């Protein structure tokens, strides 16, 4: 848990992940096995809605990604 509290194996938790991870992407196979899902907004739809709301998108290199060797 974020505050350092241990996760209880017999407890039910709510999590939020993107569609890719929820489907088992990047090796998160345990997430793909979850059957009681609630899907609110699909990733692609959220991106399209965001761009439509902004009207103009001006992508720029922000220097937030660092390549490590």
PDB file of N, CA and C in Angstrom:
ATOM      1  N   UNK A   1       0.830  -1.168   0.000  1.00  0.00           N
ATOM      2  CA  UNK A   1       0.000   0.000   0.000  1.00  0.00           C
ATOM      3  C   UNK A   1       0.887   1.250   0.000  1.00  0.00           C
ATOM      4  N   UNK A   2       0.338   2.353  -0.415  1.00  0.00           N
ATOM      5  CA  UNK A   2       1.111   3.585  -0.518  1.00  0.00           C
ATOM      6  C   UNK A   2       1.656   4.046   0.829  1.00  0.00           C
ATOM      7  N   UNK A   3       0.894   3.817   1.895  1.00  0.00           N
ATOM      8  CA  UNK A   3       1.343   4.251   3.222  1.00  0.00           C
ATOM      9  C   UNK A   3       2.192   3.209   3.933  1.00  0.00           C
ATOM     10  N   UNK A   4       2.518   2.121   3.246  1.00  0.00           N
ATOM     11  CA  UNK A   4       3.351   1.082   3.827  1.00  0.00           C
ATOM     12  C   UNK A   4       2.580  -0.040   4.487  1.00  0.00           C
ATOM     13  N   UNK A   5       1.253   0.070   4.537  1.00  0.00           N
ATOM     14  CA  UNK A   5       0.426  -0.986   5.112  1.00  0.00           C
ATOM     15  C   UNK A   5       0.504  -2.222   4.224  1.00  0.00           C
ATOM     16  N   UNK A   6       0.766  -3.390   4.790  1.00  0.00           N
ATOM     17  CA  UNK A   6       0.838  -4.603   3.966  1.00  0.00           C
ATOM     18  C   UNK A   6      -0.492  -4.923   3.289  1.00  0.00           C
ATOM     19  N   UNK A   7      -0.432  -5.506   2.119  1.00  0.00           N
ATOM     20  CA  UNK A   7      -1.625  -5.950   1.402  1.00  0.00           C
ATOM     21  C   UNK A   7      -2.099  -7.248   2.046  1.00  0.00           C
ATOM     22  N   UNK A   8      -3.385  -7.313   2.343  1.00  0.00           N
ATOM     23  CA  UNK A   8      -3.974  -8.503   2.949  1.00  0.00           C
ATOM     24  C   UNK A   8      -4.474  -9.434   1.850  1.00  0.00           C
ATOM     25  N   UNK A   9      -4.088 -10.695   1.886  1.00  0.00           N
ATOM     26  CA  UNK A   9      -4.456 -11.648   0.843  1.00  0.00           C
ATOM     27  C   UNK A   9      -5.954 -11.925   0.783  1.00  0.00           C
ATOM     28  N   UNK A  10      -6.654 -11.804   1.892  1.00  0.00           N
ATOM     29  CA  UNK A  10      -8.086 -12.108   1.907  1.00  0.00           C
ATOM     30  C   UNK A  10      -8.959 -10.858   1.770  1.00  0.00           C
ATOM     31  N   UNK A  11      -8.360  -9.743   1.458  1.00  0.00           N
ATOM     32  CA  UNK A  11      -9.063  -8.471   1.318  1.00  0.00           C
ATOM     33  C   UNK A  11      -9.325  -8.174  -0.159  1.00  0.00           C
ATOM     34  N   UNK A  12     -10.406  -7.460  -0.452  1.00  0.00           N
ATOM     35  CA  UNK A  12     -10.703  -7.037  -1.816  1.00  0.00           C
ATOM     36  C   UNK A  12     -10.235  -5.602  -1.996  1.00  0.00           C
ATOM     37  N   UNK A  13      -9.544  -5.326  -3.098  1.00  0.00           N
ATOM     38  CA  UNK A  13      -9.018  -3.993  -3.378  1.00  0.00           C
ATOM     39  C   UNK A  13      -9.517  -3.513  -4.734  1.00  0.00           C
ATOM     40  N   UNK A  14      -9.593  -2.212  -4.895  1.00  0.00           N
ATOM     41  CA  UNK A  14      -9.923  -1.589  -6.166  1.00  0.00           C
ATOM     42  C   UNK A  14      -8.646  -0.997  -6.738  1.00  0.00           C
ATOM     43  N   UNK A  15      -8.380  -1.281  -8.014  1.00  0.00           N
ATOM     44  CA  UNK A  15      -7.192  -0.744  -8.675  1.00  0.00           C
ATOM     45  C   UNK A  15      -7.608  -0.068  -9.976  1.00  0.00           C
ATOM     46  N   UNK A  16      -6.747   0.781 -10.475  1.00  0.00           N
ATOM     47  CA  UNK A  16      -6.972   1.426 -11.762  1.00  0.00           C
ATOM     48  C   UNK A  16      -5.739   1.195 -12.617  1.00  0.00           C
ATOM     49  N   UNK A  17      -5.943   0.663 -13.798  1.00  0.00           N
ATOM     50  CA  UNK A  17      -4.851   0.459 -14.747  1.00  0.00           C
ATOM     51  C   UNK A  17      -5.366   0.775 -16.143  1.00  0.00           C
ATOM     52  N   UNK A  18      -4.434   0.960 -17.064  1.00  0.00           N
ATOM     53  CA  UNK A  18      -4.862   1.189 -18.441  1.00  0.00           C
ATOM     54  C   UNK A  18      -5.270  -0.139 -19.087  1.00  0.00           C
ATOM     55  N   UNK A  19      -5.901  -0.041 -20.236  1.00  0.00           N
ATOM     56  CA  UNK A  19      -6.434  -1.227 -20.902  1.00  0.00           C
ATOM     57  C   UNK A  19      -5.348  -2.230 -21.269  1.00  0.00           C
ATOM     58  N   UNK A  20      -4.198  -1.744 -21.657  1.00  0.00           N
ATOM     59  CA  UNK A  20      -3.094  -2.613 -22.050  1.00  0.00           C
ATOM     60  C   UNK A  20      -2.663  -3.503 -20.885  1.00  0.00           C
ATOM     61  N   UNK A  21      -2.437  -2.900 -19.737  1.00  0.00           N
ATOM     62  CA  UNK A  21      -2.022  -3.672 -18.565  1.00  0.00           C
ATOM     63  C   UNK A  21      -3.147  -4.578 -18.082  1.00  0.00           C
ATOM     64  N   UNK A  22      -4.391  -4.093 -18.122  1.00  0.00           N
ATOM     65  CA  UNK A  22      -5.526  -4.895 -17.667  1.00  0.00           C
ATOM     66  C   UNK A  22      -5.686  -6.159 -18.506  1.00  0.00           C
ATOM     67  N   UNK A  23      -5.256  -6.104 -19.751  1.00  0.00           N
ATOM     68  CA  UNK A  23      -5.341  -7.264 -20.623  1.00  0.00           C
ATOM     69  C   UNK A  23      -4.154  -8.194 -20.514  1.00  0.00           C
ATOM     70  N   UNK A  24      -3.233  -7.905 -19.594  1.00  0.00           N
ATOM     71  CA  UNK A  24      -2.079  -8.772 -19.391  1.00  0.00           C
ATOM     72  C   UNK A  24      -0.811  -8.282 -20.058  1.00  0.00           C
ATOM     73  N   UNK A  25      -0.862  -7.095 -20.665  1.00  0.00           N
ATOM     74  CA  UNK A  25       0.323  -6.544 -21.325  1.00  0.00           C
ATOM     75  C   UNK A  25       1.464  -6.315 -20.355  1.00  0.00           C
ATOM     76  N   UNK A  26       2.670  -6.330 -20.870  1.00  0.00           N
ATOM     77  CA  UNK A  26       3.895  -6.155 -20.087  1.00  0.00           C
ATOM     78  C   UNK A  26       4.064  -7.230 -19.017  1.00  0.00           C
ATOM     79  N   UNK A  27       3.423  -8.378 -19.222  1.00  0.00           N
ATOM     80  CA  UNK A  27       3.602  -9.481 -18.293  1.00  0.00           C
ATOM     81  C   UNK A  27       2.704  -9.445 -17.074  1.00  0.00           C
ATOM     82  N   UNK A  28       1.758  -8.534 -17.022  1.00  0.00           N
ATOM     83  CA  UNK A  28       0.831  -8.457 -15.887  1.00  0.00           C
ATOM     84  C   UNK A  28      -0.301  -9.466 -16.079  1.00  0.00           C
ATOM     85  N   UNK A  29       0.041 -10.723 -16.167  1.00  0.00           N
ATOM     86  CA  UNK A  29      -0.944 -11.756 -16.470  1.00  0.00           C
ATOM     87  C   UNK A  29      -1.983 -11.914 -15.367  1.00  0.00           C
ATOM     88  N   UNK A  30      -1.630 -11.598 -14.135  1.00  0.00           N
ATOM     89  CA  UNK A  30      -2.598 -11.713 -13.046  1.00  0.00           C
ATOM     90  C   UNK A  30      -3.762 -10.752 -13.278  1.00  0.00           C
ATOM     91  N   UNK A  31      -3.504  -9.594 -13.890  1.00  0.00           N
ATOM     92  CA  UNK A  31      -4.575  -8.637 -14.157  1.00  0.00           C
ATOM     93  C   UNK A  31      -5.531  -9.159 -15.222  1.00  0.00           C
ATOM     94  N   UNK A  32      -5.027  -9.907 -16.174  1.00  0.00           N
ATOM     95  CA  UNK A  32      -5.880 -10.433 -17.243  1.00  0.00           C
ATOM     96  C   UNK A  32      -6.883 -11.438 -16.701  1.00  0.00           C
ATOM     97  N   UNK A  33      -6.594 -12.046 -15.564  1.00  0.00           N
ATOM     98  CA  UNK A  33      -7.480 -13.036 -14.995  1.00  0.00           C
ATOM     99  C   UNK A  33      -8.595 -12.465 -14.131  1.00  0.00           C
ATOM    100  N   UNK A  34      -8.597 -11.147 -13.930  1.00  0.00           N
ATOM    101  CA  UNK A  34      -9.634 -10.523 -13.108  1.00  0.00           C
ATOM    102  C   UNK A  34     -10.946 -10.511 -13.892  1.00  0.00           C
ATOM    103  N   UNK A  35     -11.994 -11.039 -13.286  1.00  0.00           N
ATOM    104  CA  UNK A  35     -13.264 -11.175 -14.001  1.00  0.00           C
ATOM    105  C   UNK A  35     -14.288 -10.100 -13.659  1.00  0.00           C
ATOM    106  N   UNK A  36     -14.208  -9.488 -12.493  1.00  0.00           N
ATOM    107  CA  UNK A  36     -15.207  -8.484 -12.113  1.00  0.00           C
ATOM    108  C   UNK A  36     -14.676  -7.074 -12.391  1.00  0.00           C
ATOM    109  N   UNK A  37     -14.541  -6.775 -13.665  1.00  0.00           N
ATOM    110  CA  UNK A  37     -13.987  -5.486 -14.097  1.00  0.00           C
ATOM    111  C   UNK A  37     -15.085  -4.457 -14.314  1.00  0.00           C
ATOM    112  N   UNK A  38     -14.725  -3.220 -14.081  1.00  0.00           N
ATOM    113  CA  UNK A  38     -15.572  -2.099 -14.449  1.00  0.00           C
ATOM    114  C   UNK A  38     -14.749  -1.247 -15.407  1.00  0.00           C
ATOM    115  N   UNK A  39     -15.213  -1.127 -16.624  1.00  0.00           N
ATOM    116  CA  UNK A  39     -14.492  -0.339 -17.616  1.00  0.00           C
ATOM    117  C   UNK A  39     -15.216   0.984 -17.780  1.00  0.00           C
ATOM    118  N   UNK A  40     -14.502   2.072 -17.522  1.00  0.00           N
ATOM    119  CA  UNK A  40     -15.105   3.399 -17.622  1.00  0.00           C
ATOM    120  C   UNK A  40     -14.815   3.987 -18.993  1.00  0.00           C
ATOM    121  N   UNK A  41     -13.592   4.413 -19.212  1.00  0.00           N
ATOM    122  CA  UNK A  41     -13.212   5.005 -20.492  1.00  0.00           C
ATOM    123  C   UNK A  41     -12.029   4.212 -21.044  1.00  0.00           C
ATOM    124  N   UNK A  42     -12.145   3.771 -22.272  1.00  0.00           N
ATOM    125  CA  UNK A  42     -11.047   3.066 -22.932  1.00  0.00           C
ATOM    126  C   UNK A  42      -9.948   4.089 -23.247  1.00  0.00           C
ATOM    127  N   UNK A  43      -8.688   3.663 -23.128  1.00  0.00           N
ATOM    128  CA  UNK A  43      -7.543   4.556 -23.323  1.00  0.00           C
ATOM    129  C   UNK A  43      -7.655   5.403 -24.583  1.00  0.00           C
ATOM    130  N   UNK A  44      -7.917   4.764 -25.705  1.00  0.00           N
ATOM    131  CA  UNK A  44      -7.965   5.476 -26.976  1.00  0.00           C
ATOM    132  C   UNK A  44      -9.069   6.526 -26.964  1.00  0.00           C
ATOM    133  N   UNK A  45     -10.234   6.174 -26.425  1.00  0.00           N
ATOM    134  CA  UNK A  45     -11.335   7.133 -26.348  1.00  0.00           C
ATOM    135  C   UNK A  45     -10.961   8.331 -25.474  1.00  0.00           C
ATOM    136  N   UNK A  46     -10.270   8.090 -24.374  1.00  0.00           N
ATOM    137  CA  UNK A  46      -9.848   9.176 -23.487  1.00  0.00           C
ATOM    138  C   UNK A  46      -8.895  10.119 -24.222  1.00  0.00           C
ATOM    139  N   UNK A  47      -7.962   9.567 -24.992  1.00  0.00           N
ATOM    140  CA  UNK A  47      -7.023  10.392 -25.753  1.00  0.00           C
ATOM    141  C   UNK A  47      -7.750  11.205 -26.814  1.00  0.00           C
ATOM    142  N   UNK A  48      -8.638  10.578 -27.555  1.00  0.00           N
ATOM    143  CA  UNK A  48      -9.387  11.276 -28.605  1.00  0.00           C
ATOM    144  C   UNK A  48     -10.225  12.395 -27.994  1.00  0.00           C
ATOM    145  N   UNK A  49     -10.908  12.121 -26.890  1.00  0.00           N
ATOM    146  CA  UNK A  49     -11.720  13.143 -26.228  1.00  0.00           C
ATOM    147  C   UNK A  49     -10.878  14.305 -25.728  1.00  0.00           C
ATOM    148  N   UNK A  50      -9.687  14.000 -25.210  1.00  0.00           N
ATOM    149  CA  UNK A  50      -8.776  15.045 -24.728  1.00  0.00           C
ATOM    150  C   UNK A  50      -8.349  15.952 -25.876  1.00  0.00           C
ATOM    151  N   UNK A  51      -7.959  15.346 -26.991  1.00  0.00           N
ATOM    152  CA  UNK A  51      -7.509  16.141 -28.140  1.00  0.00           C
ATOM    153  C   UNK A  51      -8.657  16.979 -28.704  1.00  0.00           C
ATOM    154  N   UNK A  52      -9.843  16.408 -28.776  1.00  0.00           N
ATOM    155  CA  UNK A  52     -11.004  17.167 -29.258  1.00  0.00           C
ATOM    156  C   UNK A  52     -11.295  18.357 -28.350  1.00  0.00           C
ATOM    157  N   UNK A  53     -11.171  18.168 -27.048  1.00  0.00           N
ATOM    158  CA  UNK A  53     -11.446  19.249 -26.097  1.00  0.00           C
ATOM    159  C   UNK A  53     -10.410  20.357 -26.183  1.00  0.00           C
ATOM    160  N   UNK A  54      -9.180  20.011 -26.522  1.00  0.00           N
ATOM    161  CA  UNK A  54      -8.104  20.998 -26.622  1.00  0.00           C
ATOM    162  C   UNK A  54      -8.163  21.781 -27.925  1.00  0.00           C
ATOM    163  N   UNK A  55      -8.801  21.245 -28.927  1.00  0.00           N
ATOM    164  CA  UNK A  55      -8.923  21.829 -30.266  1.00  0.00           C
ATOM    165  C   UNK A  55      -7.575  21.888 -30.975  1.00  0.00           C
ATOM    166  N   UNK A  56      -6.552  22.369 -30.311  1.00  0.00           N
ATOM    167  CA  UNK A  56      -5.223  22.455 -30.925  1.00  0.00           C
ATOM    168  C   UNK A  56      -4.223  21.717 -30.043  1.00  0.00           C
ATOM    169  N   UNK A  57      -3.424  20.881 -30.666  1.00  0.00           N
ATOM    170  CA  UNK A  57      -2.394  20.139 -29.948  1.00  0.00           C
ATOM    171  C   UNK A  57      -1.053  20.553 -30.523  1.00  0.00           C
ATOM    172  N   UNK A  58      -0.137  20.948 -29.645  1.00  0.00           N
ATOM    173  CA  UNK A  58       1.178  21.412 -30.068  1.00  0.00           C
ATOM    174  C   UNK A  58       2.246  20.596 -29.334  1.00  0.00           C
ATOM    175  N   UNK A  59       2.496  19.360 -29.800  1.00  0.00           N
ATOM    176  CA  UNK A  59       3.465  18.518 -29.097  1.00  0.00           C
ATOM    177  C   UNK A  59       4.879  19.082 -29.200  1.00  0.00           C
ATOM    178  N   UNK A  60       5.589  18.970 -28.083  1.00  0.00           N
ATOM    179  CA  UNK A  60       6.966  19.458 -28.035  1.00  0.00           C
ATOM    180  C   UNK A  60       7.811  18.481 -27.239  1.00  0.00           C
ATOM    181  N   UNK A  61       9.090  18.458 -27.538  1.00  0.00           N
ATOM    182  CA  UNK A  61      10.018  17.660 -26.742  1.00  0.00           C
ATOM    183  C   UNK A  61      10.236  18.382 -25.427  1.00  0.00           C
ATOM    184  N   UNK A  62       9.920  17.704 -24.332  1.00  0.00           N
ATOM    185  CA  UNK A  62       9.988  18.344 -23.019  1.00  0.00           C
ATOM    186  C   UNK A  62      11.194  17.913 -22.207  1.00  0.00           C
ATOM    187  N   UNK A  63      11.955  16.924 -22.700  1.00  0.00           N
ATOM    188  CA  UNK A  63      13.153  16.502 -21.987  1.00  0.00           C
ATOM    189  C   UNK A  63      12.860  15.690 -20.733  1.00  0.00           C
ATOM    190  N   UNK A  64      11.676  15.084 -20.623  1.00  0.00           N
ATOM    191  CA  UNK A  64      11.326  14.304 -19.428  1.00  0.00           C
ATOM    192  C   UNK A  64      11.829  12.868 -19.515  1.00  0.00           C
ATOM    193  N   UNK A  65      12.233  12.404 -20.696  1.00  0.00           N
ATOM    194  CA  UNK A  65      12.699  11.036 -20.862  1.00  0.00           C
ATOM    195  C   UNK A  65      14.221  11.050 -20.963  1.00  0.00           C
ATOM    196  N   UNK A  66      14.843  10.186 -20.176  1.00  0.00           N
ATOM    197  CA  UNK A  66      16.296  10.099 -20.186  1.00  0.00           C
ATOM    198  C   UNK A  66      16.704   8.703 -20.632  1.00  0.00           C
ATOM    199  N   UNK A  67      17.540   8.627 -21.645  1.00  0.00           N
ATOM    200  CA  UNK A  67      18.024   7.339 -22.134  1.00  0.00           C
ATOM    201  C   UNK A  67      19.198   6.900 -21.263  1.00  0.00           C
ATOM    202  N   UNK A  68      19.100   5.696 -20.729  1.00  0.00           N
ATOM    203  CA  UNK A  68      20.175   5.131 -19.916  1.00  0.00           C
ATOM    204  C   UNK A  68      20.828   3.995 -20.678  1.00  0.00           C
ATOM    205  N   UNK A  69      22.111   3.874 -20.570  1.00  0.00           N
ATOM    206  CA  UNK A  69      22.836   2.785 -21.233  1.00  0.00           C
ATOM    207  C   UNK A  69      23.153   1.687 -20.262  1.00  0.00           C
TER     208      UNK A  69
END
